[in-house]
Amino acid sequence: MGPPIWGFLQPCLLLLLAEGPQHGYSLLEKLNEQKLLNGVDVGNLYRTLRRMEGAGMVESAWSERGAGPNKRVYRLTPDGEGMLRRWAGALEQRTSLLSRFLDEFHRVYGLDGALAPPEGMNEDEENLI
């Protein structure tokens, strides 16, 4: 299996940066607006951006435009675009697998089979999602 859902921040950031350069706070706002991820910790966001920059997926520079303090602006690199495409391919495969699982679930329990929320899962089980 691939990375757990908390590892999903990287492809979401890559996708947002594919639209053009942005600063961290803007990325955080768009994650929530587009409902890609909710409740992302700002510290985790910047740690992830730094790791992505260290891996060559993004580049950053200080922007001196606009009022207020300078902001670090991140942009996608060709390596980052390649990683985004690999993520998209892996997610398509995972989506297909999940769809087959749900089809089988509904075959066994019927289309109106009650789906329970994942509240009863322990941390290890949640990390598998």
Protein backbone atom coordinates (compact mmCIF):
# COMPACT_ATOMS: atom_id res chain seq x y z
CA MET A 1 0.00 0.00 0.00
CA GLY A 2 1.05 3.59 -0.50
CA PRO A 3 1.51 6.29 2.08
CA PRO A 4 -1.21 6.83 4.68
CA ILE A 5 -3.71 9.64 4.17
CA TRP A 6 -1.60 12.13 6.15
CA GLY A 7 0.99 11.70 3.38
CA PHE A 8 -1.61 13.05 0.95
CA LEU A 9 -0.50 16.63 1.66
CA GLN A 10 2.38 16.36 -0.83
CA PRO A 11 0.31 15.58 -3.95
CA CYS A 12 -2.27 18.18 -2.94
CA LEU A 13 0.43 20.86 -2.71
CA LEU A 14 1.96 19.76 -6.01
CA LEU A 15 -1.46 19.99 -7.67
CA LEU A 16 -2.08 23.49 -6.32
CA LEU A 17 1.39 24.63 -7.42
CA ALA A 18 0.72 23.25 -10.92
CA GLU A 19 -1.68 26.20 -11.24
CA GLY A 20 1.16 28.66 -10.62
CA PRO A 21 3.52 29.97 -7.93
CA GLN A 22 1.98 30.60 -4.51
CA HIS A 23 2.98 31.39 -0.95
CA GLY A 24 2.32 29.03 1.95
CA TYR A 25 -0.71 30.78 3.43
CA SER A 26 -2.38 30.86 0.01
CA LEU A 27 -1.77 27.12 -0.34
CA LEU A 28 -3.31 26.52 3.08
CA GLU A 29 -6.40 28.52 2.14
CA LYS A 30 -6.81 26.68 -1.16
CA LEU A 31 -6.49 23.26 0.51
CA ASN A 32 -9.54 24.19 2.58
CA GLU A 33 -11.45 26.03 -0.19
CA GLN A 34 -11.10 23.18 -2.67
CA LYS A 35 -11.75 20.61 0.08
CA LEU A 36 -8.61 18.68 -0.78
CA LEU A 37 -7.62 18.47 2.90
CA ASN A 38 -9.06 20.09 6.01
CA GLY A 39 -7.35 21.14 9.20
CA VAL A 40 -3.78 21.05 7.91
CA ASP A 41 -1.37 22.25 10.57
CA VAL A 42 0.57 25.26 9.27
CA GLY A 43 3.81 23.85 10.69
CA ASN A 44 3.27 20.57 8.85
CA LEU A 45 2.52 22.53 5.66
CA TYR A 46 5.85 24.39 5.80
CA ARG A 47 7.80 21.27 6.83
CA THR A 48 6.33 19.46 3.83
CA LEU A 49 7.19 22.35 1.50
CA ARG A 50 10.79 22.35 2.80
CA ARG A 51 11.08 18.58 2.28
CA MET A 52 9.66 18.96 -1.22
CA GLU A 53 12.15 21.74 -1.92
CA GLY A 54 15.00 19.58 -0.63
CA ALA A 55 13.86 16.80 -2.97
CA GLY A 56 13.81 19.20 -5.94
CA MET A 57 10.03 19.11 -6.44
CA VAL A 58 9.54 22.81 -5.71
CA GLU A 59 11.67 25.93 -5.70
CA SER A 60 11.10 29.01 -3.59
CA ALA A 61 12.13 32.65 -3.57
CA TRP A 62 11.23 35.68 -1.49
CA SER A 63 8.62 37.94 -3.02
CA GLU A 64 8.86 41.64 -2.33
CA ARG A 65 5.54 42.50 -4.00
CA GLY A 66 2.58 43.96 -2.17
CA ALA A 67 2.14 45.46 1.24
CA GLY A 68 3.29 43.73 4.37
CA PRO A 69 6.23 41.46 4.98
CA ASN A 70 7.98 39.56 2.20
CA LYS A 71 6.61 36.10 1.52
CA ARG A 72 8.31 32.96 0.32
CA VAL A 73 6.71 31.94 -2.95
CA TYR A 74 6.88 28.31 -4.08
CA ARG A 75 6.76 27.04 -7.63
CA LEU A 76 6.62 23.59 -9.17
CA THR A 77 9.75 22.22 -10.85
CA PRO A 78 9.84 19.66 -13.69
CA ASP A 79 10.73 17.00 -11.09
CA GLY A 80 7.70 18.10 -9.08
CA GLU A 81 5.46 17.78 -12.12
CA GLY A 82 6.81 14.28 -12.69
CA MET A 83 6.07 13.38 -9.07
CA LEU A 84 2.55 14.83 -9.41
CA ARG A 85 1.94 12.66 -12.46
CA ARG A 86 3.17 9.57 -10.57
CA TRP A 87 0.88 10.42 -7.66
CA ALA A 88 -2.08 10.82 -10.04
CA GLY A 89 -1.36 7.43 -11.60
CA ALA A 90 -1.07 5.75 -8.20
CA LEU A 91 -4.27 7.41 -7.00
CA GLU A 92 -6.13 6.26 -10.12
CA GLN A 93 -5.02 2.70 -9.38
CA ARG A 94 -6.02 3.06 -5.72
CA THR A 95 -9.41 4.51 -6.72
CA SER A 96 -10.02 1.53 -8.98
CA LEU A 97 -9.13 -0.86 -6.16
CA LEU A 98 -11.41 0.97 -3.72
CA SER A 99 -14.24 0.96 -6.25
CA ARG A 100 -13.89 -2.81 -6.72
CA PHE A 101 -13.90 -3.26 -2.93
CA LEU A 102 -17.07 -1.19 -2.54
CA ASP A 103 -18.75 -3.00 -5.43
CA GLU A 104 -18.02 -6.30 -3.69
CA PHE A 105 -19.19 -4.92 -0.35
CA HIS A 106 -22.51 -3.88 -1.89
CA ARG A 107 -22.82 -7.24 -3.65
CA VAL A 108 -22.51 -8.97 -0.28
CA TYR A 109 -24.61 -6.55 1.79
CA GLY A 110 -26.84 -5.03 -0.87
CA LEU A 111 -26.80 -1.51 -2.23
CA ASP A 112 -28.36 -0.12 0.92
CA GLY A 113 -25.82 -1.83 3.18
CA ALA A 114 -25.11 0.55 6.04
CA LEU A 115 -21.66 2.02 5.88
CA ALA A 116 -20.34 2.75 9.36
CA PRO A 117 -18.13 5.79 9.90
CA PRO A 118 -14.50 4.98 10.73
CA GLU A 119 -14.87 6.19 14.34
CA GLY A 120 -14.19 2.78 15.85
CA MET A 121 -10.85 2.34 14.07
CA ASN A 122 -7.62 2.35 15.97
CA GLU A 123 -4.65 4.44 14.78
CA ASP A 124 -3.06 1.57 12.82
CA GLU A 125 -6.30 0.91 10.95
CA GLU A 126 -6.77 4.62 10.16
CA ASN A 127 -3.24 4.75 8.70
CA LEU A 128 -4.20 2.11 6.18
CA ILE A 129 -6.80 4.40 4.64
